[in-house]
Amino acid sequence: MYVSDKALHSLYWTDSTGSQNLEIQHSPIDDKFRSAVLRLTEGPGALMGAVAEVKITDSMDCLVAHWDVKNRKRLW
């Protein structure tokens, strides 16, 4: 995945009930953002099945990356 460090992105995740949650809004891809992505895709919530899906969007709300955490697949 290539994204500019200066562009702003948002990080969303969907829980096992289908509710979408905003984790980080309009932030550069910095260490905090990367840490949140790893936590949501590989951390305890992902392993316990609480996190079903993770999405990164750009400032125009276009999909940049998409994980199906429940089935452990990167879709985009």
PDB file of N, CA and C in Angstrom:
ATOM      1  N   MET A   1       0.847  -1.170   0.000  1.00  0.00           N
ATOM      2  CA  MET A   1       0.000   0.000   0.000  1.00  0.00           C
ATOM      3  C   MET A   1       0.888   1.227   0.000  1.00  0.00           C
ATOM      4  N   TYR A   2       0.700   2.090  -1.005  1.00  0.00           N
ATOM      5  CA  TYR A   2       1.426   3.344  -1.035  1.00  0.00           C
ATOM      6  C   TYR A   2       0.459   4.480  -0.771  1.00  0.00           C
ATOM      7  N   VAL A   3       0.722   5.243   0.235  1.00  0.00           N
ATOM      8  CA  VAL A   3      -0.034   6.456   0.507  1.00  0.00           C
ATOM      9  C   VAL A   3       0.944   7.540   0.895  1.00  0.00           C
ATOM     10  N   SER A   4       0.637   8.751   0.538  1.00  0.00           N
ATOM     11  CA  SER A   4       1.490   9.878   0.879  1.00  0.00           C
ATOM     12  C   SER A   4       1.438  10.141   2.375  1.00  0.00           C
ATOM     13  N   ASP A   5       2.598  10.427   2.959  1.00  0.00           N
ATOM     14  CA  ASP A   5       2.639  10.737   4.386  1.00  0.00           C
ATOM     15  C   ASP A   5       1.974  12.076   4.691  1.00  0.00           C
ATOM     16  N   LYS A   6       1.820  12.939   3.675  1.00  0.00           N
ATOM     17  CA  LYS A   6       1.242  14.263   3.894  1.00  0.00           C
ATOM     18  C   LYS A   6      -0.261  14.292   3.674  1.00  0.00           C
ATOM     19  N   ALA A   7      -0.793  13.330   2.949  1.00  0.00           N
ATOM     20  CA  ALA A   7      -2.235  13.286   2.705  1.00  0.00           C
ATOM     21  C   ALA A   7      -2.966  12.895   3.988  1.00  0.00           C
ATOM     22  N   LEU A   8      -4.210  13.304   4.082  1.00  0.00           N
ATOM     23  CA  LEU A   8      -5.014  12.997   5.264  1.00  0.00           C
ATOM     24  C   LEU A   8      -5.925  11.812   4.988  1.00  0.00           C
ATOM     25  N   HIS A   9      -6.002  10.918   5.969  1.00  0.00           N
ATOM     26  CA  HIS A   9      -6.794   9.698   5.834  1.00  0.00           C
ATOM     27  C   HIS A   9      -7.629   9.472   7.086  1.00  0.00           C
ATOM     28  N   SER A  10      -8.658   8.663   6.937  1.00  0.00           N
ATOM     29  CA  SER A  10      -9.508   8.275   8.073  1.00  0.00           C
ATOM     30  C   SER A  10      -9.496   6.759   8.197  1.00  0.00           C
ATOM     31  N   LEU A  11      -9.648   6.289   9.410  1.00  0.00           N
ATOM     32  CA  LEU A  11      -9.613   4.864   9.707  1.00  0.00           C
ATOM     33  C   LEU A  11     -10.942   4.460  10.345  1.00  0.00           C
ATOM     34  N   TYR A  12     -11.631   3.528   9.690  1.00  0.00           N
ATOM     35  CA  TYR A  12     -12.919   3.024  10.158  1.00  0.00           C
ATOM     36  C   TYR A  12     -12.804   1.534  10.448  1.00  0.00           C
ATOM     37  N   TRP A  13     -13.604   1.063  11.386  1.00  0.00           N
ATOM     38  CA  TRP A  13     -13.688  -0.374  11.619  1.00  0.00           C
ATOM     39  C   TRP A  13     -15.128  -0.751  11.907  1.00  0.00           C
ATOM     40  N   THR A  14     -15.461  -1.964  11.508  1.00  0.00           N
ATOM     41  CA  THR A  14     -16.805  -2.492  11.706  1.00  0.00           C
ATOM     42  C   THR A  14     -16.733  -3.609  12.737  1.00  0.00           C
ATOM     43  N   ASP A  15     -17.632  -3.556  13.712  1.00  0.00           N
ATOM     44  CA  ASP A  15     -17.619  -4.599  14.743  1.00  0.00           C
ATOM     45  C   ASP A  15     -18.441  -5.805  14.290  1.00  0.00           C
ATOM     46  N   SER A  16     -18.483  -6.816  15.122  1.00  0.00           N
ATOM     47  CA  SER A  16     -19.139  -8.074  14.753  1.00  0.00           C
ATOM     48  C   SER A  16     -20.657  -7.942  14.604  1.00  0.00           C
ATOM     49  N   THR A  17     -21.242  -6.849  15.108  1.00  0.00           N
ATOM     50  CA  THR A  17     -22.680  -6.624  14.950  1.00  0.00           C
ATOM     51  C   THR A  17     -23.011  -5.817  13.700  1.00  0.00           C
ATOM     52  N   GLY A  18     -21.978  -5.339  12.991  1.00  0.00           N
ATOM     53  CA  GLY A  18     -22.177  -4.567  11.771  1.00  0.00           C
ATOM     54  C   GLY A  18     -22.138  -3.063  11.959  1.00  0.00           C
ATOM     55  N   SER A  19     -21.900  -2.595  13.163  1.00  0.00           N
ATOM     56  CA  SER A  19     -21.811  -1.155  13.420  1.00  0.00           C
ATOM     57  C   SER A  19     -20.451  -0.625  12.990  1.00  0.00           C
ATOM     58  N   GLN A  20     -20.452   0.476  12.236  1.00  0.00           N
ATOM     59  CA  GLN A  20     -19.194   1.075  11.785  1.00  0.00           C
ATOM     60  C   GLN A  20     -18.744   2.129  12.793  1.00  0.00           C
ATOM     61  N   ASN A  21     -17.441   2.143  13.073  1.00  0.00           N
ATOM     62  CA  ASN A  21     -16.861   3.045  14.055  1.00  0.00           C
ATOM     63  C   ASN A  21     -15.726   3.830  13.420  1.00  0.00           C
ATOM     64  N   LEU A  22     -15.633   5.112  13.747  1.00  0.00           N
ATOM     65  CA  LEU A  22     -14.541   5.959  13.275  1.00  0.00           C
ATOM     66  C   LEU A  22     -13.450   5.950  14.331  1.00  0.00           C
ATOM     67  N   GLU A  23     -12.294   5.436  13.972  1.00  0.00           N
ATOM     68  CA  GLU A  23     -11.159   5.366  14.907  1.00  0.00           C
ATOM     69  C   GLU A  23     -10.318   6.637  14.845  1.00  0.00           C
ATOM     70  N   ILE A  24      -9.954   7.058  13.637  1.00  0.00           N
ATOM     71  CA  ILE A  24      -9.126   8.250  13.422  1.00  0.00           C
ATOM     72  C   ILE A  24      -9.690   8.992  12.220  1.00  0.00           C
ATOM     73  N   GLN A  25      -9.821  10.316  12.340  1.00  0.00           N
ATOM     74  CA  GLN A  25     -10.373  11.106  11.241  1.00  0.00           C
ATOM     75  C   GLN A  25      -9.374  12.147  10.753  1.00  0.00           C
ATOM     76  N   HIS A  26      -9.207  12.204   9.430  1.00  0.00           N
ATOM     77  CA  HIS A  26      -8.379  13.211   8.749  1.00  0.00           C
ATOM     78  C   HIS A  26      -7.012  13.383   9.410  1.00  0.00           C
ATOM     79  N   SER A  27      -6.224  12.349   9.336  1.00  0.00           N
ATOM     80  CA  SER A  27      -4.896  12.329   9.942  1.00  0.00           C
ATOM     81  C   SER A  27      -3.879  11.849   8.913  1.00  0.00           C
ATOM     82  N   PRO A  28      -2.641  12.343   9.004  1.00  0.00           N
ATOM     83  CA  PRO A  28      -1.601  11.772   8.136  1.00  0.00           C
ATOM     84  C   PRO A  28      -1.304  10.339   8.578  1.00  0.00           C
ATOM     85  N   ILE A  29      -0.721   9.560   7.682  1.00  0.00           N
ATOM     86  CA  ILE A  29      -0.340   8.184   8.034  1.00  0.00           C
ATOM     87  C   ILE A  29       0.969   8.260   8.833  1.00  0.00           C
ATOM     88  N   ASP A  30       0.831   8.414  10.126  1.00  0.00           N
ATOM     89  CA  ASP A  30       1.986   8.501  11.011  1.00  0.00           C
ATOM     90  C   ASP A  30       2.056   7.241  11.876  1.00  0.00           C
ATOM     91  N   ASP A  31       2.961   7.237  12.849  1.00  0.00           N
ATOM     92  CA  ASP A  31       3.124   6.061  13.705  1.00  0.00           C
ATOM     93  C   ASP A  31       1.848   5.726  14.481  1.00  0.00           C
ATOM     94  N   LYS A  32       1.122   6.742  14.933  1.00  0.00           N
ATOM     95  CA  LYS A  32      -0.126   6.517  15.669  1.00  0.00           C
ATOM     96  C   LYS A  32      -1.161   5.838  14.763  1.00  0.00           C
ATOM     97  N   PHE A  33      -1.242   6.302  13.522  1.00  0.00           N
ATOM     98  CA  PHE A  33      -2.195   5.728  12.562  1.00  0.00           C
ATOM     99  C   PHE A  33      -1.821   4.283  12.258  1.00  0.00           C
ATOM    100  N   ARG A  34      -0.543   4.033  11.978  1.00  0.00           N
ATOM    101  CA  ARG A  34      -0.074   2.669  11.677  1.00  0.00           C
ATOM    102  C   ARG A  34      -0.322   1.726  12.856  1.00  0.00           C
ATOM    103  N   SER A  35      -0.087   2.221  14.062  1.00  0.00           N
ATOM    104  CA  SER A  35      -0.306   1.416  15.261  1.00  0.00           C
ATOM    105  C   SER A  35      -1.778   1.039  15.400  1.00  0.00           C
ATOM    106  N   ALA A  36      -2.665   1.976  15.105  1.00  0.00           N
ATOM    107  CA  ALA A  36      -4.101   1.698  15.184  1.00  0.00           C
ATOM    108  C   ALA A  36      -4.512   0.655  14.147  1.00  0.00           C
ATOM    109  N   VAL A  37      -3.946   0.735  12.933  1.00  0.00           N
ATOM    110  CA  VAL A  37      -4.254  -0.253  11.895  1.00  0.00           C
ATOM    111  C   VAL A  37      -3.811  -1.641  12.348  1.00  0.00           C
ATOM    112  N   LEU A  38      -2.599  -1.751  12.865  1.00  0.00           N
ATOM    113  CA  LEU A  38      -2.102  -3.049  13.344  1.00  0.00           C
ATOM    114  C   LEU A  38      -2.944  -3.586  14.498  1.00  0.00           C
ATOM    115  N   ARG A  39      -3.324  -2.710  15.416  1.00  0.00           N
ATOM    116  CA  ARG A  39      -4.145  -3.132  16.557  1.00  0.00           C
ATOM    117  C   ARG A  39      -5.500  -3.655  16.086  1.00  0.00           C
ATOM    118  N   LEU A  40      -6.106  -2.957  15.119  1.00  0.00           N
ATOM    119  CA  LEU A  40      -7.426  -3.366  14.645  1.00  0.00           C
ATOM    120  C   LEU A  40      -7.386  -4.605  13.754  1.00  0.00           C
ATOM    121  N   THR A  41      -6.317  -4.805  12.997  1.00  0.00           N
ATOM    122  CA  THR A  41      -6.252  -5.946  12.079  1.00  0.00           C
ATOM    123  C   THR A  41      -5.605  -7.181  12.693  1.00  0.00           C
ATOM    124  N   GLU A  42      -4.758  -6.991  13.721  1.00  0.00           N
ATOM    125  CA  GLU A  42      -4.026  -8.132  14.275  1.00  0.00           C
ATOM    126  C   GLU A  42      -4.075  -8.233  15.792  1.00  0.00           C
ATOM    127  N   GLY A  43      -4.667  -7.251  16.449  1.00  0.00           N
ATOM    128  CA  GLY A  43      -4.657  -7.202  17.908  1.00  0.00           C
ATOM    129  C   GLY A  43      -5.718  -8.077  18.558  1.00  0.00           C
ATOM    130  N   PRO A  44      -5.882  -7.929  19.865  1.00  0.00           N
ATOM    131  CA  PRO A  44      -6.813  -8.767  20.619  1.00  0.00           C
ATOM    132  C   PRO A  44      -8.255  -8.719  20.111  1.00  0.00           C
ATOM    133  N   GLY A  45      -8.721  -7.529  19.741  1.00  0.00           N
ATOM    134  CA  GLY A  45     -10.090  -7.413  19.230  1.00  0.00           C
ATOM    135  C   GLY A  45     -10.292  -8.202  17.952  1.00  0.00           C
ATOM    136  N   ALA A  46      -9.279  -8.182  17.089  1.00  0.00           N
ATOM    137  CA  ALA A  46      -9.339  -8.949  15.845  1.00  0.00           C
ATOM    138  C   ALA A  46      -9.307 -10.448  16.135  1.00  0.00           C
ATOM    139  N   LEU A  47      -8.444 -10.856  17.036  1.00  0.00           N
ATOM    140  CA  LEU A  47      -8.312 -12.277  17.360  1.00  0.00           C
ATOM    141  C   LEU A  47      -9.550 -12.830  18.063  1.00  0.00           C
ATOM    142  N   MET A  48     -10.236 -11.999  18.837  1.00  0.00           N
ATOM    143  CA  MET A  48     -11.446 -12.441  19.538  1.00  0.00           C
ATOM    144  C   MET A  48     -12.697 -12.342  18.667  1.00  0.00           C
ATOM    145  N   GLY A  49     -12.568 -11.751  17.488  1.00  0.00           N
ATOM    146  CA  GLY A  49     -13.707 -11.642  16.585  1.00  0.00           C
ATOM    147  C   GLY A  49     -14.548 -10.396  16.773  1.00  0.00           C
ATOM    148  N   ALA A  50     -14.098  -9.460  17.597  1.00  0.00           N
ATOM    149  CA  ALA A  50     -14.852  -8.229  17.819  1.00  0.00           C
ATOM    150  C   ALA A  50     -14.746  -7.278  16.628  1.00  0.00           C
ATOM    151  N   VAL A  51     -13.632  -7.320  15.907  1.00  0.00           N
ATOM    152  CA  VAL A  51     -13.422  -6.475  14.732  1.00  0.00           C
ATOM    153  C   VAL A  51     -13.640  -7.336  13.490  1.00  0.00           C
ATOM    154  N   ALA A  52     -14.588  -6.940  12.651  1.00  0.00           N
ATOM    155  CA  ALA A  52     -14.896  -7.722  11.449  1.00  0.00           C
ATOM    156  C   ALA A  52     -14.243  -7.144  10.198  1.00  0.00           C
ATOM    157  N   GLU A  53     -14.073  -5.826  10.154  1.00  0.00           N
ATOM    158  CA  GLU A  53     -13.612  -5.172   8.930  1.00  0.00           C
ATOM    159  C   GLU A  53     -12.905  -3.865   9.280  1.00  0.00           C
ATOM    160  N   VAL A  54     -11.864  -3.525   8.518  1.00  0.00           N
ATOM    161  CA  VAL A  54     -11.141  -2.268   8.703  1.00  0.00           C
ATOM    162  C   VAL A  54     -10.986  -1.601   7.342  1.00  0.00           C
ATOM    163  N   LYS A  55     -11.237  -0.285   7.302  1.00  0.00           N
ATOM    164  CA  LYS A  55     -11.115   0.469   6.054  1.00  0.00           C
ATOM    165  C   LYS A  55     -10.321   1.747   6.291  1.00  0.00           C
ATOM    166  N   ILE A  56      -9.509   2.108   5.308  1.00  0.00           N
ATOM    167  CA  ILE A  56      -8.825   3.394   5.295  1.00  0.00           C
ATOM    168  C   ILE A  56      -9.358   4.154   4.093  1.00  0.00           C
ATOM    169  N   THR A  57      -9.775   5.400   4.328  1.00  0.00           N
ATOM    170  CA  THR A  57     -10.245   6.255   3.245  1.00  0.00           C
ATOM    171  C   THR A  57      -9.364   7.502   3.168  1.00  0.00           C
ATOM    172  N   ASP A  58      -9.338   8.109   1.972  1.00  0.00           N
ATOM    173  CA  ASP A  58      -8.586   9.352   1.830  1.00  0.00           C
ATOM    174  C   ASP A  58      -9.497  10.535   2.158  1.00  0.00           C
ATOM    175  N   SER A  59      -8.976  11.744   1.993  1.00  0.00           N
ATOM    176  CA  SER A  59      -9.730  12.940   2.369  1.00  0.00           C
ATOM    177  C   SER A  59     -10.965  13.163   1.495  1.00  0.00           C
ATOM    178  N   MET A  60     -11.031  12.498   0.335  1.00  0.00           N
ATOM    179  CA  MET A  60     -12.212  12.593  -0.527  1.00  0.00           C
ATOM    180  C   MET A  60     -13.151  11.411  -0.296  1.00  0.00           C
ATOM    181  N   ASP A  61     -12.910  10.634   0.758  1.00  0.00           N
ATOM    182  CA  ASP A  61     -13.711   9.481   1.169  1.00  0.00           C
ATOM    183  C   ASP A  61     -13.637   8.313   0.178  1.00  0.00           C
ATOM    184  N   CYS A  62     -12.542   8.248  -0.575  1.00  0.00           N
ATOM    185  CA  CYS A  62     -12.309   7.112  -1.471  1.00  0.00           C
ATOM    186  C   CYS A  62     -11.577   6.019  -0.699  1.00  0.00           C
ATOM    187  N   LEU A  63     -11.925   4.782  -0.961  1.00  0.00           N
ATOM    188  CA  LEU A  63     -11.320   3.651  -0.272  1.00  0.00           C
ATOM    189  C   LEU A  63      -9.862   3.493  -0.687  1.00  0.00           C
ATOM    190  N   VAL A  64      -8.976   3.411   0.288  1.00  0.00           N
ATOM    191  CA  VAL A  64      -7.542   3.258   0.045  1.00  0.00           C
ATOM    192  C   VAL A  64      -7.092   1.845   0.398  1.00  0.00           C
ATOM    193  N   ALA A  65      -7.612   1.292   1.487  1.00  0.00           N
ATOM    194  CA  ALA A  65      -7.263  -0.066   1.919  1.00  0.00           C
ATOM    195  C   ALA A  65      -8.469  -0.669   2.638  1.00  0.00           C
ATOM    196  N   HIS A  66      -8.597  -2.010   2.526  1.00  0.00           N
ATOM    197  CA  HIS A  66      -9.756  -2.688   3.101  1.00  0.00           C
ATOM    198  C   HIS A  66      -9.342  -4.080   3.569  1.00  0.00           C
ATOM    199  N   TRP A  67      -9.628  -4.393   4.827  1.00  0.00           N
ATOM    200  CA  TRP A  67      -9.332  -5.708   5.391  1.00  0.00           C
ATOM    201  C   TRP A  67     -10.615  -6.391   5.829  1.00  0.00           C
ATOM    202  N   ASP A  68     -10.754  -7.658   5.494  1.00  0.00           N
ATOM    203  CA  ASP A  68     -11.797  -8.514   6.043  1.00  0.00           C
ATOM    204  C   ASP A  68     -11.131  -9.238   7.206  1.00  0.00           C
ATOM    205  N   VAL A  69     -11.185  -8.637   8.372  1.00  0.00           N
ATOM    206  CA  VAL A  69     -10.465  -9.139   9.541  1.00  0.00           C
ATOM    207  C   VAL A  69     -11.024 -10.485   9.978  1.00  0.00           C
ATOM    208  N   LYS A  70     -12.324 -10.625   9.896  1.00  0.00           N
ATOM    209  CA  LYS A  70     -12.985 -11.861  10.330  1.00  0.00           C
ATOM    210  C   LYS A  70     -12.431 -13.075   9.588  1.00  0.00           C
ATOM    211  N   ASN A  71     -12.189 -12.929   8.294  1.00  0.00           N
ATOM    212  CA  ASN A  71     -11.644 -14.024   7.477  1.00  0.00           C
ATOM    213  C   ASN A  71     -10.151 -13.882   7.199  1.00  0.00           C
ATOM    214  N   ARG A  72      -9.529 -12.904   7.868  1.00  0.00           N
ATOM    215  CA  ARG A  72      -8.084 -12.652   7.790  1.00  0.00           C
ATOM    216  C   ARG A  72      -7.599 -12.468   6.357  1.00  0.00           C
ATOM    217  N   LYS A  73      -8.277 -11.570   5.619  1.00  0.00           N
ATOM    218  CA  LYS A  73      -7.897 -11.285   4.242  1.00  0.00           C
ATOM    219  C   LYS A  73      -7.812  -9.781   4.029  1.00  0.00           C
ATOM    220  N   ARG A  74      -6.807  -9.379   3.278  1.00  0.00           N
ATOM    221  CA  ARG A  74      -6.751  -8.001   2.819  1.00  0.00           C
ATOM    222  C   ARG A  74      -7.438  -7.951   1.474  1.00  0.00           C
ATOM    223  N   LEU A  75      -8.505  -7.183   1.365  1.00  0.00           N
ATOM    224  CA  LEU A  75      -9.308  -7.163   0.171  1.00  0.00           C
ATOM    225  C   LEU A  75      -8.853  -6.113  -0.838  1.00  0.00           C
ATOM    226  N   TRP A  76      -8.253  -5.050  -0.352  1.00  0.00           N
ATOM    227  CA  TRP A  76      -7.878  -3.966  -1.253  1.00  0.00           C
ATOM    228  C   TRP A  76      -6.591  -3.363  -0.789  1.00  0.00           C
TER     229      TRP A  76
END
